Amino acid sequence: PMIMHLFRKYPDKKFIVIGDYLYDVLDKYLHKF
């Protein structure tokens, strides 16, 4: 997933992710992975 490319590139950074469309899907995915 596109967002995971950023997470892998910068694993030591603090991310603030802005969600909107299908927010609950994004929330569940991030929580799990």
Full PDB file with SEQRES, HELIX, SHEET, SSBOND, CRYST1, ORIGX, SCALE, CONECT and MASTER records, all heavy atoms in Angstrom:
SEQRES   1 A   33  PRO MET ILE MET HIS LEU PHE ARG LYS TYR PRO ASP LYS          
SEQRES   2 A   33  LYS PHE ILE VAL ILE GLY ASP TYR LEU TYR ASP VAL LEU          
SEQRES   3 A   33  ASP LYS TYR LEU HIS LYS PHE                                  
HELIX    1 AA1 MET A    2  LYS A    9  1                                   8    
HELIX    2 AA2 TYR A   23  LYS A   32  1                                  10    
CRYST1    1.000    1.000    1.000  90.00  90.00  90.00 P 1           1          
ORIGX1      1.000000  0.000000  0.000000        0.00000                         
ORIGX2      0.000000  1.000000  0.000000        0.00000                         
ORIGX3      0.000000  0.000000  1.000000        0.00000                         
SCALE1      1.000000  0.000000  0.000000        0.00000                         
SCALE2      0.000000  1.000000  0.000000        0.00000                         
SCALE3      0.000000  0.000000  1.000000        0.00000                         
ATOM      1  N   PRO A   1       0.824  -1.206   0.000  1.00  0.00           N  
ATOM      2  CA  PRO A   1       0.000   0.000   0.000  1.00  0.00           C  
ATOM      3  C   PRO A   1       0.865   1.266   0.000  1.00  0.00           C  
ATOM      4  O   PRO A   1       1.916   1.314   0.647  1.00  0.00           O  
ATOM      5  CB  PRO A   1      -0.801  -0.110   1.302  1.00  0.00           C  
ATOM      6  CG  PRO A   1      -0.886  -1.578   1.547  1.00  0.00           C  
ATOM      7  CD  PRO A   1       0.454  -2.119   1.090  1.00  0.00           C  
ATOM      8  N   MET A   2       0.407   2.264  -0.742  1.00  0.00           N  
ATOM      9  CA  MET A   2       1.187   3.498  -0.908  1.00  0.00           C  
ATOM     10  C   MET A   2       1.716   4.048   0.407  1.00  0.00           C  
ATOM     11  O   MET A   2       2.883   4.400   0.508  1.00  0.00           O  
ATOM     12  CB  MET A   2       0.339   4.561  -1.610  1.00  0.00           C  
ATOM     13  CG  MET A   2       0.145   4.320  -3.072  1.00  0.00           C  
ATOM     14  SD  MET A   2      -0.636   5.743  -3.833  1.00  0.00           S  
ATOM     15  CE  MET A   2      -2.124   5.011  -4.442  1.00  0.00           C  
ATOM     16  N   ILE A   3       0.873   4.115   1.416  1.00  0.00           N  
ATOM     17  CA  ILE A   3       1.288   4.713   2.692  1.00  0.00           C  
ATOM     18  C   ILE A   3       2.406   3.906   3.355  1.00  0.00           C  
ATOM     19  O   ILE A   3       3.267   4.456   4.037  1.00  0.00           O  
ATOM     20  CB  ILE A   3       0.084   4.913   3.643  1.00  0.00           C  
ATOM     21  CG1 ILE A   3       0.480   5.885   4.753  1.00  0.00           C  
ATOM     22  CG2 ILE A   3      -0.443   3.590   4.160  1.00  0.00           C  
ATOM     23  CD1 ILE A   3      -0.696   6.421   5.544  1.00  0.00           C  
ATOM     24  N   MET A   4       2.420   2.608   3.120  1.00  0.00           N  
ATOM     25  CA  MET A   4       3.442   1.753   3.731  1.00  0.00           C  
ATOM     26  C   MET A   4       4.833   2.021   3.164  1.00  0.00           C  
ATOM     27  O   MET A   4       5.835   1.787   3.836  1.00  0.00           O  
ATOM     28  CB  MET A   4       3.065   0.284   3.582  1.00  0.00           C  
ATOM     29  CG  MET A   4       1.765  -0.089   4.286  1.00  0.00           C  
ATOM     30  SD  MET A   4       1.769   0.237   6.065  1.00  0.00           S  
ATOM     31  CE  MET A   4       2.656  -1.194   6.616  1.00  0.00           C  
ATOM     32  N   HIS A   5       4.911   2.544   1.947  1.00  0.00           N  
ATOM     33  CA  HIS A   5       6.215   2.925   1.389  1.00  0.00           C  
ATOM     34  C   HIS A   5       6.862   4.002   2.264  1.00  0.00           C  
ATOM     35  O   HIS A   5       8.066   3.949   2.534  1.00  0.00           O  
ATOM     36  CB  HIS A   5       6.062   3.425  -0.055  1.00  0.00           C  
ATOM     37  CG  HIS A   5       5.802   2.331  -1.039  1.00  0.00           C  
ATOM     38  ND1 HIS A   5       6.797   1.629  -1.661  1.00  0.00           N  
ATOM     39  CD2 HIS A   5       4.625   1.820  -1.496  1.00  0.00           C  
ATOM     40  CE1 HIS A   5       6.267   0.736  -2.473  1.00  0.00           C  
ATOM     41  NE2 HIS A   5       4.953   0.823  -2.380  1.00  0.00           N  
ATOM     42  N   LEU A   6       6.066   4.966   2.707  1.00  0.00           N  
ATOM     43  CA  LEU A   6       6.583   6.018   3.601  1.00  0.00           C  
ATOM     44  C   LEU A   6       6.993   5.441   4.948  1.00  0.00           C  
ATOM     45  O   LEU A   6       8.043   5.788   5.486  1.00  0.00           O  
ATOM     46  CB  LEU A   6       5.521   7.097   3.829  1.00  0.00           C  
ATOM     47  CG  LEU A   6       5.420   8.175   2.785  1.00  0.00           C  
ATOM     48  CD1 LEU A   6       4.171   9.017   3.015  1.00  0.00           C  
ATOM     49  CD2 LEU A   6       6.657   9.048   2.781  1.00  0.00           C  
ATOM     50  N   PHE A   7       6.156   4.573   5.487  1.00  0.00           N  
ATOM     51  CA  PHE A   7       6.462   3.973   6.796  1.00  0.00           C  
ATOM     52  C   PHE A   7       7.765   3.171   6.732  1.00  0.00           C  
ATOM     53  O   PHE A   7       8.567   3.214   7.659  1.00  0.00           O  
ATOM     54  CB  PHE A   7       5.326   3.057   7.255  1.00  0.00           C  
ATOM     55  CG  PHE A   7       4.035   3.764   7.606  1.00  0.00           C  
ATOM     56  CD1 PHE A   7       2.890   3.035   7.835  1.00  0.00           C  
ATOM     57  CD2 PHE A   7       3.962   5.146   7.710  1.00  0.00           C  
ATOM     58  CE1 PHE A   7       1.693   3.651   8.172  1.00  0.00           C  
ATOM     59  CE2 PHE A   7       2.770   5.788   8.043  1.00  0.00           C  
ATOM     60  CZ  PHE A   7       1.640   5.031   8.275  1.00  0.00           C  
ATOM     61  N   ARG A   8       7.958   2.449   5.651  1.00  0.00           N  
ATOM     62  CA  ARG A   8       9.193   1.654   5.522  1.00  0.00           C  
ATOM     63  C   ARG A   8      10.418   2.532   5.295  1.00  0.00           C  
ATOM     64  O   ARG A   8      11.509   2.201   5.744  1.00  0.00           O  
ATOM     65  CB  ARG A   8       9.052   0.645   4.382  1.00  0.00           C  
ATOM     66  CG  ARG A   8       8.163  -0.505   4.775  1.00  0.00           C  
ATOM     67  CD  ARG A   8       8.395  -1.699   3.908  1.00  0.00           C  
ATOM     68  NE  ARG A   8       7.585  -2.815   4.397  1.00  0.00           N  
ATOM     69  CZ  ARG A   8       7.355  -3.888   3.698  1.00  0.00           C  
ATOM     70  NH1 ARG A   8       7.868  -4.015   2.490  1.00  0.00           N  
ATOM     71  NH2 ARG A   8       6.622  -4.859   4.200  1.00  0.00           N  
ATOM     72  N   LYS A   9      10.227   3.625   4.586  1.00  0.00           N  
ATOM     73  CA  LYS A   9      11.350   4.522   4.310  1.00  0.00           C  
ATOM     74  C   LYS A   9      11.794   5.254   5.572  1.00  0.00           C  
ATOM     75  O   LYS A   9      12.978   5.499   5.770  1.00  0.00           O  
ATOM     76  CB  LYS A   9      10.964   5.535   3.216  1.00  0.00           C  
ATOM     77  CG  LYS A   9      12.121   6.418   2.789  1.00  0.00           C  
ATOM     78  CD  LYS A   9      11.849   7.051   1.465  1.00  0.00           C  
ATOM     79  CE  LYS A   9      13.022   7.824   0.955  1.00  0.00           C  
ATOM     80  NZ  LYS A   9      14.194   7.035   0.619  1.00  0.00           N  
ATOM     81  N   TYR A  10      10.837   5.601   6.443  1.00  0.00           N  
ATOM     82  CA  TYR A  10      11.138   6.371   7.648  1.00  0.00           C  
ATOM     83  C   TYR A  10      10.575   5.696   8.895  1.00  0.00           C  
ATOM     84  O   TYR A  10       9.691   6.246   9.562  1.00  0.00           O  
ATOM     85  CB  TYR A  10      10.575   7.792   7.521  1.00  0.00           C  
ATOM     86  CG  TYR A  10      11.116   8.531   6.333  1.00  0.00           C  
ATOM     87  CD1 TYR A  10      10.303   8.866   5.256  1.00  0.00           C  
ATOM     88  CD2 TYR A  10      12.454   8.914   6.292  1.00  0.00           C  
ATOM     89  CE1 TYR A  10      10.815   9.556   4.165  1.00  0.00           C  
ATOM     90  CE2 TYR A  10      12.966   9.594   5.199  1.00  0.00           C  
ATOM     91  CZ  TYR A  10      12.143   9.910   4.144  1.00  0.00           C  
ATOM     92  OH  TYR A  10      12.653  10.588   3.069  1.00  0.00           O  
ATOM     93  N   PRO A  11      11.051   4.525   9.247  1.00  0.00           N  
ATOM     94  CA  PRO A  11      10.463   3.791  10.380  1.00  0.00           C  
ATOM     95  C   PRO A  11      10.653   4.460  11.728  1.00  0.00           C  
ATOM     96  O   PRO A  11       9.915   4.164  12.675  1.00  0.00           O  
ATOM     97  CB  PRO A  11      11.184   2.444  10.331  1.00  0.00           C  
ATOM     98  CG  PRO A  11      12.480   2.728   9.655  1.00  0.00           C  
ATOM     99  CD  PRO A  11      12.192   3.819   8.662  1.00  0.00           C  
ATOM    100  N   ASP A  12      11.584   5.395  11.840  1.00  0.00           N  
ATOM    101  CA  ASP A  12      11.872   6.045  13.122  1.00  0.00           C  
ATOM    102  C   ASP A  12      11.164   7.388  13.292  1.00  0.00           C  
ATOM    103  O   ASP A  12      11.328   8.040  14.318  1.00  0.00           O  
ATOM    104  CB  ASP A  12      13.382   6.233  13.275  1.00  0.00           C  
ATOM    105  CG  ASP A  12      13.985   7.088  12.166  1.00  0.00           C  
ATOM    106  OD1 ASP A  12      13.441   7.097  11.033  1.00  0.00           O  
ATOM    107  OD2 ASP A  12      14.997   7.760  12.417  1.00  0.00           O  
ATOM    108  N   LYS A  13      10.364   7.806  12.315  1.00  0.00           N  
ATOM    109  CA  LYS A  13       9.677   9.104  12.387  1.00  0.00           C  
ATOM    110  C   LYS A  13       8.324   8.961  13.077  1.00  0.00           C  
ATOM    111  O   LYS A  13       7.779   7.877  13.215  1.00  0.00           O  
ATOM    112  CB  LYS A  13       9.480   9.684  10.983  1.00  0.00           C  
ATOM    113  CG  LYS A  13      10.756   9.835  10.178  1.00  0.00           C  
ATOM    114  CD  LYS A  13      11.742  10.762  10.816  1.00  0.00           C  
ATOM    115  CE  LYS A  13      12.994  10.893   9.957  1.00  0.00           C  
ATOM    116  NZ  LYS A  13      14.107  11.487  10.661  1.00  0.00           N  
ATOM    117  N   LYS A  14       7.786  10.088  13.505  1.00  0.00           N  
ATOM    118  CA  LYS A  14       6.442  10.151  14.088  1.00  0.00           C  
ATOM    119  C   LYS A  14       5.499  10.615  12.986  1.00  0.00           C  
ATOM    120  O   LYS A  14       5.658  11.703  12.449  1.00  0.00           O  
ATOM    121  CB  LYS A  14       6.420  11.120  15.265  1.00  0.00           C  
ATOM    122  CG  LYS A  14       7.278  10.647  16.409  1.00  0.00           C  
ATOM    123  CD  LYS A  14       7.324  11.667  17.518  1.00  0.00           C  
ATOM    124  CE  LYS A  14       8.139  11.082  18.639  1.00  0.00           C  
ATOM    125  NZ  LYS A  14       9.160  11.898  19.157  1.00  0.00           N  
ATOM    126  N   PHE A  15       4.550   9.763  12.646  1.00  0.00           N  
ATOM    127  CA  PHE A  15       3.619  10.051  11.556  1.00  0.00           C  
ATOM    128  C   PHE A  15       2.297  10.581  12.101  1.00  0.00           C  
ATOM    129  O   PHE A  15       1.776  10.059  13.087  1.00  0.00           O  
ATOM    130  CB  PHE A  15       3.357   8.788  10.737  1.00  0.00           C  
ATOM    131  CG  PHE A  15       4.518   8.393   9.871  1.00  0.00           C  
ATOM    132  CD1 PHE A  15       5.504   7.551  10.361  1.00  0.00           C  
ATOM    133  CD2 PHE A  15       4.630   8.871   8.581  1.00  0.00           C  
ATOM    134  CE1 PHE A  15       6.576   7.184   9.582  1.00  0.00           C  
ATOM    135  CE2 PHE A  15       5.705   8.515   7.791  1.00  0.00           C  
ATOM    136  CZ  PHE A  15       6.686   7.667   8.290  1.00  0.00           C  
ATOM    137  N   ILE A  16       1.785  11.576  11.422  1.00  0.00           N  
ATOM    138  CA  ILE A  16       0.440  12.083  11.684  1.00  0.00           C  
ATOM    139  C   ILE A  16      -0.299  11.895  10.364  1.00  0.00           C  
ATOM    140  O   ILE A  16       0.019  12.544   9.371  1.00  0.00           O  
ATOM    141  CB  ILE A  16       0.455  13.553  12.124  1.00  0.00           C  
ATOM    142  CG1 ILE A  16       1.334  13.720  13.363  1.00  0.00           C  
ATOM    143  CG2 ILE A  16      -0.976  14.039  12.371  1.00  0.00           C  
ATOM    144  CD1 ILE A  16       1.727  15.152  13.672  1.00  0.00           C  
ATOM    145  N   VAL A  17      -1.230  10.965  10.346  1.00  0.00           N  
ATOM    146  CA  VAL A  17      -1.920  10.573   9.124  1.00  0.00           C  
ATOM    147  C   VAL A  17      -3.306  11.204   9.126  1.00  0.00           C  
ATOM    148  O   VAL A  17      -4.067  11.046  10.086  1.00  0.00           O  
ATOM    149  CB  VAL A  17      -2.022   9.036   9.024  1.00  0.00           C  
ATOM    150  CG1 VAL A  17      -2.761   8.627   7.763  1.00  0.00           C  
ATOM    151  CG2 VAL A  17      -0.637   8.398   9.090  1.00  0.00           C  
ATOM    152  N   ILE A  18      -3.622  11.908   8.041  1.00  0.00           N  
ATOM    153  CA  ILE A  18      -4.948  12.522   7.896  1.00  0.00           C  
ATOM    154  C   ILE A  18      -5.788  11.600   7.023  1.00  0.00           C  
ATOM    155  O   ILE A  18      -5.453  11.351   5.871  1.00  0.00           O  
ATOM    156  CB  ILE A  18      -4.867  13.915   7.251  1.00  0.00           C  
ATOM    157  CG1 ILE A  18      -3.955  14.827   8.060  1.00  0.00           C  
ATOM    158  CG2 ILE A  18      -6.268  14.506   7.109  1.00  0.00           C  
ATOM    159  CD1 ILE A  18      -3.616  16.142   7.359  1.00  0.00           C  
ATOM    160  N   GLY A  19      -6.868  11.083   7.587  1.00  0.00           N  
ATOM    161  CA  GLY A  19      -7.781  10.216   6.849  1.00  0.00           C  
ATOM    162  C   GLY A  19      -9.109  10.903   6.620  1.00  0.00           C  
ATOM    163  O   GLY A  19      -9.472  11.834   7.332  1.00  0.00           O  
ATOM    164  N   ASP A  20      -9.856  10.436   5.621  1.00  0.00           N  
ATOM    165  CA  ASP A  20     -11.174  10.978   5.314  1.00  0.00           C  
ATOM    166  C   ASP A  20     -12.014   9.872   4.690  1.00  0.00           C  
ATOM    167  O   ASP A  20     -12.718   9.167   5.395  1.00  0.00           O  
ATOM    168  CB  ASP A  20     -11.037  12.183   4.381  1.00  0.00           C  
ATOM    169  CG  ASP A  20     -12.371  12.762   3.939  1.00  0.00           C  
ATOM    170  OD1 ASP A  20     -13.429  12.271   4.367  1.00  0.00           O  
ATOM    171  OD2 ASP A  20     -12.371  13.717   3.155  1.00  0.00           O  
ATOM    172  N   TYR A  21     -11.881   9.665   3.393  1.00  0.00           N  
ATOM    173  CA  TYR A  21     -12.661   8.668   2.666  1.00  0.00           C  
ATOM    174  C   TYR A  21     -12.384   7.279   3.250  1.00  0.00           C  
ATOM    175  O   TYR A  21     -11.234   6.877   3.384  1.00  0.00           O  
ATOM    176  CB  TYR A  21     -12.303   8.724   1.176  1.00  0.00           C  
ATOM    177  CG  TYR A  21     -12.934   7.640   0.349  1.00  0.00           C  
ATOM    178  CD1 TYR A  21     -14.308   7.623   0.134  1.00  0.00           C  
ATOM    179  CD2 TYR A  21     -12.165   6.643  -0.213  1.00  0.00           C  
ATOM    180  CE1 TYR A  21     -14.893   6.624  -0.619  1.00  0.00           C  
ATOM    181  CE2 TYR A  21     -12.740   5.641  -0.981  1.00  0.00           C  
ATOM    182  CZ  TYR A  21     -14.105   5.637  -1.178  1.00  0.00           C  
ATOM    183  OH  TYR A  21     -14.683   4.648  -1.926  1.00  0.00           O  
ATOM    184  N   LEU A  22     -13.440   6.589   3.616  1.00  0.00           N  
ATOM    185  CA  LEU A  22     -13.350   5.268   4.249  1.00  0.00           C  
ATOM    186  C   LEU A  22     -12.364   5.299   5.416  1.00  0.00           C  
ATOM    187  O   LEU A  22     -11.498   4.432   5.565  1.00  0.00           O  
ATOM    188  CB  LEU A  22     -12.992   4.192   3.222  1.00  0.00           C  
ATOM    189  CG  LEU A  22     -14.065   3.951   2.142  1.00  0.00           C  
ATOM    190  CD1 LEU A  22     -13.573   2.964   1.092  1.00  0.00           C  
ATOM    191  CD2 LEU A  22     -15.372   3.468   2.757  1.00  0.00           C  
ATOM    192  N   TYR A  23     -12.539   6.289   6.256  1.00  0.00           N  
ATOM    193  CA  TYR A  23     -11.688   6.512   7.427  1.00  0.00           C  
ATOM    194  C   TYR A  23     -11.588   5.262   8.298  1.00  0.00           C  
ATOM    195  O   TYR A  23     -10.505   4.904   8.762  1.00  0.00           O  
ATOM    196  CB  TYR A  23     -12.249   7.692   8.235  1.00  0.00           C  
ATOM    197  CG  TYR A  23     -11.478   8.011   9.488  1.00  0.00           C  
ATOM    198  CD1 TYR A  23     -10.394   8.874   9.441  1.00  0.00           C  
ATOM    199  CD2 TYR A  23     -11.842   7.461  10.714  1.00  0.00           C  
ATOM    200  CE1 TYR A  23      -9.675   9.190  10.586  1.00  0.00           C  
ATOM    201  CE2 TYR A  23     -11.129   7.762  11.864  1.00  0.00           C  
ATOM    202  CZ  TYR A  23     -10.053   8.628  11.799  1.00  0.00           C  
ATOM    203  OH  TYR A  23      -9.346   8.929  12.929  1.00  0.00           O  
ATOM    204  N   ASP A  24     -12.722   4.593   8.510  1.00  0.00           N  
ATOM    205  CA  ASP A  24     -12.723   3.402   9.366  1.00  0.00           C  
ATOM    206  C   ASP A  24     -11.864   2.280   8.787  1.00  0.00           C  
ATOM    207  O   ASP A  24     -11.200   1.547   9.525  1.00  0.00           O  
ATOM    208  CB  ASP A  24     -14.151   2.909   9.628  1.00  0.00           C  
ATOM    209  CG  ASP A  24     -14.912   2.582   8.346  1.00  0.00           C  
ATOM    210  OD1 ASP A  24     -14.677   3.243   7.312  1.00  0.00           O  
ATOM    211  OD2 ASP A  24     -15.751   1.655   8.368  1.00  0.00           O  
ATOM    212  N   VAL A  25     -11.819   2.148   7.466  1.00  0.00           N  
ATOM    213  CA  VAL A  25     -10.980   1.135   6.819  1.00  0.00           C  
ATOM    214  C   VAL A  25      -9.508   1.471   7.045  1.00  0.00           C  
ATOM    215  O   VAL A  25      -8.712   0.604   7.402  1.00  0.00           O  
ATOM    216  CB  VAL A  25     -11.302   1.038   5.305  1.00  0.00           C  
ATOM    217  CG1 VAL A  25     -10.333   0.099   4.596  1.00  0.00           C  
ATOM    218  CG2 VAL A  25     -12.745   0.590   5.093  1.00  0.00           C  
ATOM    219  N   LEU A  26      -9.152   2.733   6.860  1.00  0.00           N  
ATOM    220  CA  LEU A  26      -7.773   3.174   7.095  1.00  0.00           C  
ATOM    221  C   LEU A  26      -7.384   2.959   8.552  1.00  0.00           C  
ATOM    222  O   LEU A  26      -6.297   2.448   8.850  1.00  0.00           O  
ATOM    223  CB  LEU A  26      -7.605   4.647   6.702  1.00  0.00           C  
ATOM    224  CG  LEU A  26      -6.217   5.245   6.871  1.00  0.00           C  
ATOM    225  CD1 LEU A  26      -5.191   4.533   5.992  1.00  0.00           C  
ATOM    226  CD2 LEU A  26      -6.248   6.742   6.545  1.00  0.00           C  
ATOM    227  N   ASP A  27      -8.273   3.314   9.457  1.00  0.00           N  
ATOM    228  CA  ASP A  27      -8.012   3.158  10.888  1.00  0.00           C  
ATOM    229  C   ASP A  27      -7.737   1.685  11.231  1.00  0.00           C  
ATOM    230  O   ASP A  27      -6.750   1.368  11.899  1.00  0.00           O  
ATOM    231  CB  ASP A  27      -9.207   3.690  11.678  1.00  0.00           C  
ATOM    232  CG  ASP A  27      -8.994   3.673  13.183  1.00  0.00           C  
ATOM    233  OD1 ASP A  27      -7.832   3.751  13.636  1.00  0.00           O  
ATOM    234  OD2 ASP A  27     -10.005   3.586  13.912  1.00  0.00           O  
ATOM    235  N   LYS A  28      -8.582   0.800  10.760  1.00  0.00           N  
ATOM    236  CA  LYS A  28      -8.409  -0.630  11.047  1.00  0.00           C  
ATOM    237  C   LYS A  28      -7.118  -1.166  10.435  1.00  0.00           C  
ATOM    238  O   LYS A  28      -6.393  -1.938  11.062  1.00  0.00           O  
ATOM    239  CB  LYS A  28      -9.611  -1.431  10.534  1.00  0.00           C  
ATOM    240  CG  LYS A  28     -10.860  -1.225  11.356  1.00  0.00           C  
ATOM    241  CD  LYS A  28     -12.052  -1.937  10.748  1.00  0.00           C  
ATOM    242  CE  LYS A  28     -13.311  -1.566  11.513  1.00  0.00           C  
ATOM    243  NZ  LYS A  28     -14.518  -2.062  10.855  1.00  0.00           N  
ATOM    244  N   TYR A  29      -6.820  -0.753   9.216  1.00  0.00           N  
ATOM    245  CA  TYR A  29      -5.621  -1.228   8.546  1.00  0.00           C  
ATOM    246  C   TYR A  29      -4.365  -0.772   9.299  1.00  0.00           C  
ATOM    247  O   TYR A  29      -3.465  -1.569   9.568  1.00  0.00           O  
ATOM    248  CB  TYR A  29      -5.569  -0.729   7.093  1.00  0.00           C  
ATOM    249  CG  TYR A  29      -4.365  -1.262   6.363  1.00  0.00           C  
ATOM    250  CD1 TYR A  29      -4.422  -2.484   5.705  1.00  0.00           C  
ATOM    251  CD2 TYR A  29      -3.158  -0.578   6.377  1.00  0.00           C  
ATOM    252  CE1 TYR A  29      -3.304  -3.012   5.074  1.00  0.00           C  
ATOM    253  CE2 TYR A  29      -2.034  -1.096   5.745  1.00  0.00           C  
ATOM    254  CZ  TYR A  29      -2.112  -2.302   5.095  1.00  0.00           C  
ATOM    255  OH  TYR A  29      -1.004  -2.817   4.484  1.00  0.00           O  
ATOM    256  N   LEU A  30      -4.301   0.511   9.625  1.00  0.00           N  
ATOM    257  CA  LEU A  30      -3.128   1.031  10.327  1.00  0.00           C  
ATOM    258  C   LEU A  30      -2.971   0.375  11.694  1.00  0.00           C  
ATOM    259  O   LEU A  30      -1.858   0.041  12.106  1.00  0.00           O  
ATOM    260  CB  LEU A  30      -3.209   2.550  10.471  1.00  0.00           C  
ATOM    261  CG  LEU A  30      -3.122   3.357   9.177  1.00  0.00           C  
ATOM    262  CD1 LEU A  30      -3.247   4.845   9.464  1.00  0.00           C  
ATOM    263  CD2 LEU A  30      -1.856   3.055   8.407  1.00  0.00           C  
ATOM    264  N   HIS A  31      -4.085   0.195  12.384  1.00  0.00           N  
ATOM    265  CA  HIS A  31      -4.040  -0.445  13.704  1.00  0.00           C  
ATOM    266  C   HIS A  31      -3.428  -1.840  13.615  1.00  0.00           C  
ATOM    267  O   HIS A  31      -2.662  -2.252  14.486  1.00  0.00           O  
ATOM    268  CB  HIS A  31      -5.437  -0.490  14.318  1.00  0.00           C  
ATOM    269  CG  HIS A  31      -5.468  -1.077  15.690  1.00  0.00           C  
ATOM    270  ND1 HIS A  31      -5.005  -0.405  16.789  1.00  0.00           N  
ATOM    271  CD2 HIS A  31      -5.888  -2.293  16.129  1.00  0.00           C  
ATOM    272  CE1 HIS A  31      -5.130  -1.175  17.856  1.00  0.00           C  
ATOM    273  NE2 HIS A  31      -5.669  -2.320  17.488  1.00  0.00           N  
ATOM    274  N   LYS A  32      -3.752  -2.548  12.560  1.00  0.00           N  
ATOM    275  CA  LYS A  32      -3.285  -3.926  12.414  1.00  0.00           C  
ATOM    276  C   LYS A  32      -1.871  -4.028  11.832  1.00  0.00           C  
ATOM    277  O   LYS A  32      -1.092  -4.882  12.254  1.00  0.00           O  
ATOM    278  CB  LYS A  32      -4.259  -4.700  11.527  1.00  0.00           C  
ATOM    279  CG  LYS A  32      -3.919  -6.160  11.389  1.00  0.00           C  
ATOM    280  CD  LYS A  32      -5.165  -6.980  11.203  1.00  0.00           C  
ATOM    281  CE  LYS A  32      -4.871  -8.430  11.070  1.00  0.00           C  
ATOM    282  NZ  LYS A  32      -4.930  -9.176  12.290  1.00  0.00           N  
ATOM    283  N   PHE A  33      -1.507  -3.137  10.888  1.00  0.00           N  
ATOM    284  CA  PHE A  33      -0.275  -3.350  10.133  1.00  0.00           C  
ATOM    285  C   PHE A  33       0.807  -2.273  10.291  1.00  0.00           C  
ATOM    286  O   PHE A  33       1.959  -2.535   9.948  1.00  0.00           O  
ATOM    287  CB  PHE A  33      -0.586  -3.504   8.642  1.00  0.00           C  
ATOM    288  CG  PHE A  33      -1.418  -4.708   8.337  1.00  0.00           C  
ATOM    289  CD1 PHE A  33      -2.745  -4.574   7.978  1.00  0.00           C  
ATOM    290  CD2 PHE A  33      -0.875  -5.982   8.410  1.00  0.00           C  
ATOM    291  CE1 PHE A  33      -3.524  -5.685   7.694  1.00  0.00           C  
ATOM    292  CE2 PHE A  33      -1.648  -7.101   8.132  1.00  0.00           C  
ATOM    293  CZ  PHE A  33      -2.972  -6.956   7.770  1.00  0.00           C  
TER     294      PHE A  33                                                      
MASTER        0    0    0    2    0    0    0    6  293    1    0    3          
END                                                                             
